[in-house]
Amino acid sequence: MTDIAANLTSVKRRIANAANRAGRDPDAITLVAVSKVHPASAIREAYEAGQRHFGENYAQELRDKAMELSDLEGIRWHFIGHLQRNKAKLVAPAVSLVETVDSPRLIEELARQAERSARKIACLVQVNVGQEEQKSGCEEGEAETLVQAIEGAPGLQPVGLMTIPPWDLDAEETRVYFKALYRLREALGGAARLPQLSMGMSHDFEEAVEEGATFVRVGTAIFGTRRPRRGRG
């Protein structure tokens, strides 16, 4: 196997083991391969190894890769970076899920672009559970208002919540933030209303699975160290 294929196998095995430790069905967790700033050839290699969900942080990069890889049937693009309203038009024609919805104005623009593209776009509300000033995401008390706004927006569908814990924590320390997002989802109607919880990255996805994640966003453990990003929006 190539390195990417071998890495995917390893990550999926670790996800399954974490799910089994928590008494969960491993099939309930979706691996999102974070492919930002990696070439389309790496995504194609991962696709050939069975991967279907890919996460991109930059609107122009997602658009360009979606066009280049349009022959890959069943590929699903997740937008996982901060989305500026003026960039929504770049991702709307291709994205399956926007994981970083955090304001009413972004919801309005995404709905406008979804209607223009004649598509239904699933959305996660990004919650800043760590209350970090430099990080995107709404406060926990604002999540219900945003979910309701998505529910009322044509072309959009609320499917869950997403969070990114503080960067400088070790894996075990992130559990408190994963637990907080899980509790918030329960307070907002539970899995019946918001089935997806996106939390956990390369260094802490096993802990996230044990705390209820349904999406884990893993890049470095699959693709290796990212090359520098230049001039992409």
Protein backbone atom coordinates (compact mmCIF):
# COMPACT_ATOMS: atom_id res chain seq x y z
CA MET A 1 0.00 0.00 0.00
CA THR A 2 1.05 3.61 -0.49
CA ASP A 3 1.64 5.74 2.59
CA ILE A 4 -1.75 7.44 2.26
CA ALA A 5 -3.58 4.14 1.93
CA ALA A 6 -1.67 2.69 4.87
CA ASN A 7 -2.32 5.80 6.94
CA LEU A 8 -6.05 5.61 6.20
CA THR A 9 -6.12 2.00 7.30
CA SER A 10 -4.33 2.91 10.53
CA VAL A 11 -6.63 5.85 11.32
CA LYS A 12 -9.76 3.82 10.61
CA ARG A 13 -8.50 1.05 12.86
CA ARG A 14 -7.89 3.56 15.65
CA ILE A 15 -11.39 5.00 15.17
CA ALA A 16 -12.89 1.52 15.40
CA ASN A 17 -10.92 0.70 18.52
CA ALA A 18 -11.98 3.96 20.19
CA ALA A 19 -15.61 3.32 19.26
CA ASN A 20 -15.44 -0.20 20.69
CA ARG A 21 -13.97 1.13 23.95
CA ALA A 22 -16.93 3.50 24.23
CA GLY A 23 -19.49 0.84 23.30
CA ARG A 24 -20.29 2.59 20.03
CA ASP A 25 -20.76 1.30 16.50
CA PRO A 26 -17.62 2.19 14.48
CA ASP A 27 -19.83 2.68 11.42
CA ALA A 28 -21.46 5.64 13.19
CA ILE A 29 -18.24 7.66 12.85
CA THR A 30 -17.30 9.29 9.54
CA LEU A 31 -13.66 10.08 8.82
CA VAL A 32 -13.18 13.44 7.12
CA ALA A 33 -9.74 13.51 5.50
CA VAL A 34 -8.44 17.08 5.83
CA SER A 35 -6.83 17.68 2.46
CA LYS A 36 -6.20 21.42 2.64
CA VAL A 37 -3.01 22.54 0.86
CA HIS A 38 -2.36 18.99 -0.29
CA PRO A 39 -2.48 18.39 -4.06
CA ALA A 40 -5.42 16.90 -5.89
CA SER A 41 -3.26 13.86 -6.62
CA ALA A 42 -3.14 13.06 -2.89
CA ILE A 43 -6.94 13.29 -2.68
CA ARG A 44 -7.25 11.00 -5.69
CA GLU A 45 -4.92 8.51 -3.99
CA ALA A 46 -7.02 8.58 -0.82
CA TYR A 47 -10.20 8.19 -2.88
CA GLU A 48 -8.76 5.12 -4.59
CA ALA A 49 -8.11 3.71 -1.12
CA GLY A 50 -11.82 4.10 -0.29
CA GLN A 51 -12.00 7.56 1.30
CA ARG A 52 -14.99 9.68 0.28
CA HIS A 53 -15.24 12.64 2.71
CA PHE A 54 -12.65 15.42 2.39
CA GLY A 55 -12.26 18.66 4.34
CA GLU A 56 -11.00 21.94 2.92
CA ASN A 57 -10.33 25.21 4.76
CA TYR A 58 -10.12 27.68 1.87
CA ALA A 59 -12.99 28.48 -0.47
CA GLN A 60 -11.02 28.92 -3.66
CA GLU A 61 -9.02 25.77 -3.01
CA LEU A 62 -12.18 23.73 -2.48
CA ARG A 63 -13.69 25.10 -5.67
CA ASP A 64 -10.57 24.36 -7.71
CA LYS A 65 -10.12 20.84 -6.36
CA ALA A 66 -13.80 20.02 -6.82
CA MET A 67 -13.52 21.01 -10.46
CA GLU A 68 -10.29 19.06 -10.99
CA LEU A 69 -11.69 15.96 -9.29
CA SER A 70 -15.21 16.12 -10.68
CA ASP A 71 -14.78 12.65 -12.18
CA LEU A 72 -14.66 11.06 -8.71
CA GLU A 73 -18.17 9.75 -8.16
CA GLY A 74 -19.53 10.07 -4.64
CA ILE A 75 -16.83 12.39 -3.31
CA ARG A 76 -18.15 14.66 -0.57
CA TRP A 77 -16.59 18.02 0.28
CA HIS A 78 -16.73 19.48 3.79
CA PHE A 79 -15.85 23.13 4.28
CA ILE A 80 -14.11 23.27 7.66
CA GLY A 81 -12.46 26.71 7.74
CA HIS A 82 -13.80 30.15 8.57
CA LEU A 83 -16.11 31.06 5.69
CA GLN A 84 -16.37 34.71 4.71
CA ARG A 85 -19.75 35.67 3.28
CA ASN A 86 -18.23 36.86 0.02
CA LYS A 87 -16.63 33.43 -0.48
CA ALA A 88 -19.85 31.45 -0.03
CA LYS A 89 -20.48 31.63 -3.77
CA LEU A 90 -17.24 29.71 -4.38
CA VAL A 91 -18.14 26.70 -2.24
CA ALA A 92 -21.92 26.46 -2.73
CA PRO A 93 -21.84 24.63 -6.10
CA ALA A 94 -19.69 21.76 -4.76
CA VAL A 95 -19.83 21.56 -0.97
CA SER A 96 -21.87 18.87 0.76
CA LEU A 97 -21.48 20.23 4.27
CA VAL A 98 -20.40 23.55 5.75
CA GLU A 99 -19.12 22.79 9.24
CA THR A 100 -18.40 26.36 10.32
CA VAL A 101 -21.68 28.27 10.30
CA ASP A 102 -21.46 30.88 13.04
CA SER A 103 -23.61 33.91 12.18
CA PRO A 104 -27.05 34.86 10.86
CA ARG A 105 -25.50 36.84 8.00
CA LEU A 106 -23.53 33.81 6.80
CA ILE A 107 -26.71 31.73 6.95
CA GLU A 108 -28.50 34.28 4.78
CA GLU A 109 -25.72 34.26 2.20
CA LEU A 110 -25.39 30.49 2.15
CA ALA A 111 -29.15 30.17 1.62
CA ARG A 112 -28.94 32.65 -1.26
CA GLN A 113 -26.10 30.73 -2.88
CA ALA A 114 -27.75 27.34 -2.28
CA GLU A 115 -30.85 28.56 -4.05
CA ARG A 116 -28.77 29.96 -6.90
CA SER A 117 -26.98 26.62 -7.25
CA ALA A 118 -30.23 24.65 -6.87
CA ARG A 119 -28.66 22.58 -4.11
CA LYS A 120 -29.36 21.56 -0.54
CA ILE A 121 -26.41 22.30 1.76
CA ALA A 122 -26.09 20.64 5.13
CA CYS A 123 -24.76 22.85 7.92
CA LEU A 124 -23.10 22.46 11.28
CA VAL A 125 -23.15 25.30 13.78
CA GLN A 126 -19.60 25.98 14.96
CA VAL A 127 -19.51 26.58 18.71
CA ASN A 128 -16.56 28.23 20.41
CA VAL A 129 -16.73 26.07 23.52
CA GLY A 130 -13.33 27.30 24.68
CA GLN A 131 -14.51 30.93 24.51
CA GLU A 132 -11.28 31.92 22.76
CA GLU A 133 -11.34 35.46 21.42
CA GLN A 134 -9.17 34.62 18.40
CA LYS A 135 -11.28 31.65 17.30
CA SER A 136 -14.42 31.61 15.17
CA GLY A 137 -17.67 30.11 16.39
CA CYS A 138 -20.72 31.23 18.28
CA GLU A 139 -21.19 31.17 22.03
CA GLU A 140 -23.12 28.25 23.45
CA GLY A 141 -26.08 30.49 24.24
CA GLU A 142 -26.34 31.56 20.60
CA ALA A 143 -26.48 28.06 19.11
CA GLU A 144 -30.25 27.61 19.33
CA THR A 145 -30.88 30.87 17.45
CA LEU A 146 -28.52 29.79 14.65
CA VAL A 147 -30.05 26.33 14.40
CA GLN A 148 -33.49 27.88 14.09
CA ALA A 149 -32.22 30.27 11.43
CA ILE A 150 -30.83 27.38 9.38
CA GLU A 151 -34.07 25.45 9.82
CA GLY A 152 -35.92 28.41 8.34
CA ALA A 153 -33.51 29.02 5.46
CA PRO A 154 -34.39 27.59 2.05
CA GLY A 155 -31.68 25.35 0.66
CA LEU A 156 -30.03 24.71 4.04
CA GLN A 157 -30.38 21.88 6.53
CA PRO A 158 -29.03 21.92 10.11
CA VAL A 159 -27.46 18.57 10.93
CA GLY A 160 -25.31 19.17 13.99
CA LEU A 161 -22.60 21.03 15.85
CA MET A 162 -18.84 21.45 15.45
CA THR A 163 -16.06 22.66 17.71
CA ILE A 164 -12.28 23.10 17.84
CA PRO A 165 -10.76 22.95 21.35
CA PRO A 166 -7.83 25.20 22.28
CA TRP A 167 -4.73 24.24 20.31
CA ASP A 168 -2.29 23.95 23.19
CA LEU A 169 -4.01 21.09 25.04
CA ASP A 170 -2.94 17.48 25.06
CA ALA A 171 -5.44 14.90 23.89
CA GLU A 172 -6.81 14.01 27.31
CA GLU A 173 -7.41 17.67 28.18
CA THR A 174 -9.66 18.13 25.15
CA ARG A 175 -12.30 15.81 26.58
CA VAL A 176 -13.93 18.59 28.62
CA TYR A 177 -14.66 20.50 25.40
CA PHE A 178 -16.00 17.43 23.62
CA LYS A 179 -18.24 16.69 26.59
CA ALA A 180 -19.48 20.30 26.54
CA LEU A 181 -20.46 20.05 22.88
CA TYR A 182 -22.23 16.76 23.50
CA ARG A 183 -24.19 18.28 26.40
CA LEU A 184 -25.12 21.27 24.27
CA ARG A 185 -26.43 19.02 21.51
CA GLU A 186 -28.56 17.19 24.06
CA ALA A 187 -29.95 20.51 25.33
CA LEU A 188 -30.86 21.52 21.76
CA GLY A 189 -32.96 18.45 21.06
CA GLY A 190 -30.43 15.65 20.89
CA ALA A 191 -29.49 13.46 17.97
CA ALA A 192 -33.04 13.40 16.65
CA ARG A 193 -32.69 17.07 15.74
CA LEU A 194 -28.91 17.37 15.32
CA PRO A 195 -27.42 13.97 14.55
CA GLN A 196 -23.84 15.06 13.84
CA LEU A 197 -21.05 16.14 16.18
CA SER A 198 -17.82 17.16 14.41
CA MET A 199 -14.94 17.16 16.85
CA GLY A 200 -11.47 15.72 17.06
CA MET A 201 -8.40 16.06 14.83
CA SER A 202 -5.18 14.14 14.28
CA HIS A 203 -3.95 14.40 17.87
CA ASP A 204 -7.23 13.82 19.70
CA PHE A 205 -9.72 12.07 17.42
CA GLU A 206 -9.75 8.92 19.55
CA GLU A 207 -10.80 10.92 22.61
CA ALA A 208 -13.43 12.67 20.49
CA VAL A 209 -14.86 9.34 19.34
CA GLU A 210 -15.04 8.16 22.94
CA GLU A 211 -16.98 11.34 23.79
CA GLY A 212 -19.53 11.02 21.00
CA ALA A 213 -18.06 12.45 17.78
CA THR A 214 -19.73 11.38 14.54
CA PHE A 215 -17.28 13.28 12.29
CA VAL A 216 -13.55 13.39 13.00
CA ARG A 217 -11.34 15.71 10.94
CA VAL A 218 -7.93 14.12 10.36
CA GLY A 219 -5.24 15.57 8.11
CA THR A 220 -1.65 15.09 9.21
CA ALA A 221 -2.14 11.48 10.28
CA ILE A 222 -3.30 10.70 6.73
CA PHE A 223 -1.47 13.06 4.38
CA GLY A 224 1.57 13.99 6.46
CA THR A 225 2.90 17.48 7.08
CA ARG A 226 1.26 20.13 4.94
CA ARG A 227 3.23 22.06 2.39
CA PRO A 228 3.11 25.88 2.68
CA ARG A 229 -0.04 27.54 1.44
CA ARG A 230 0.54 30.22 -1.17
CA GLY A 231 -1.96 32.64 -2.62
CA ARG A 232 -5.10 30.58 -2.08
CA GLY A 233 -8.34 32.00 -0.75
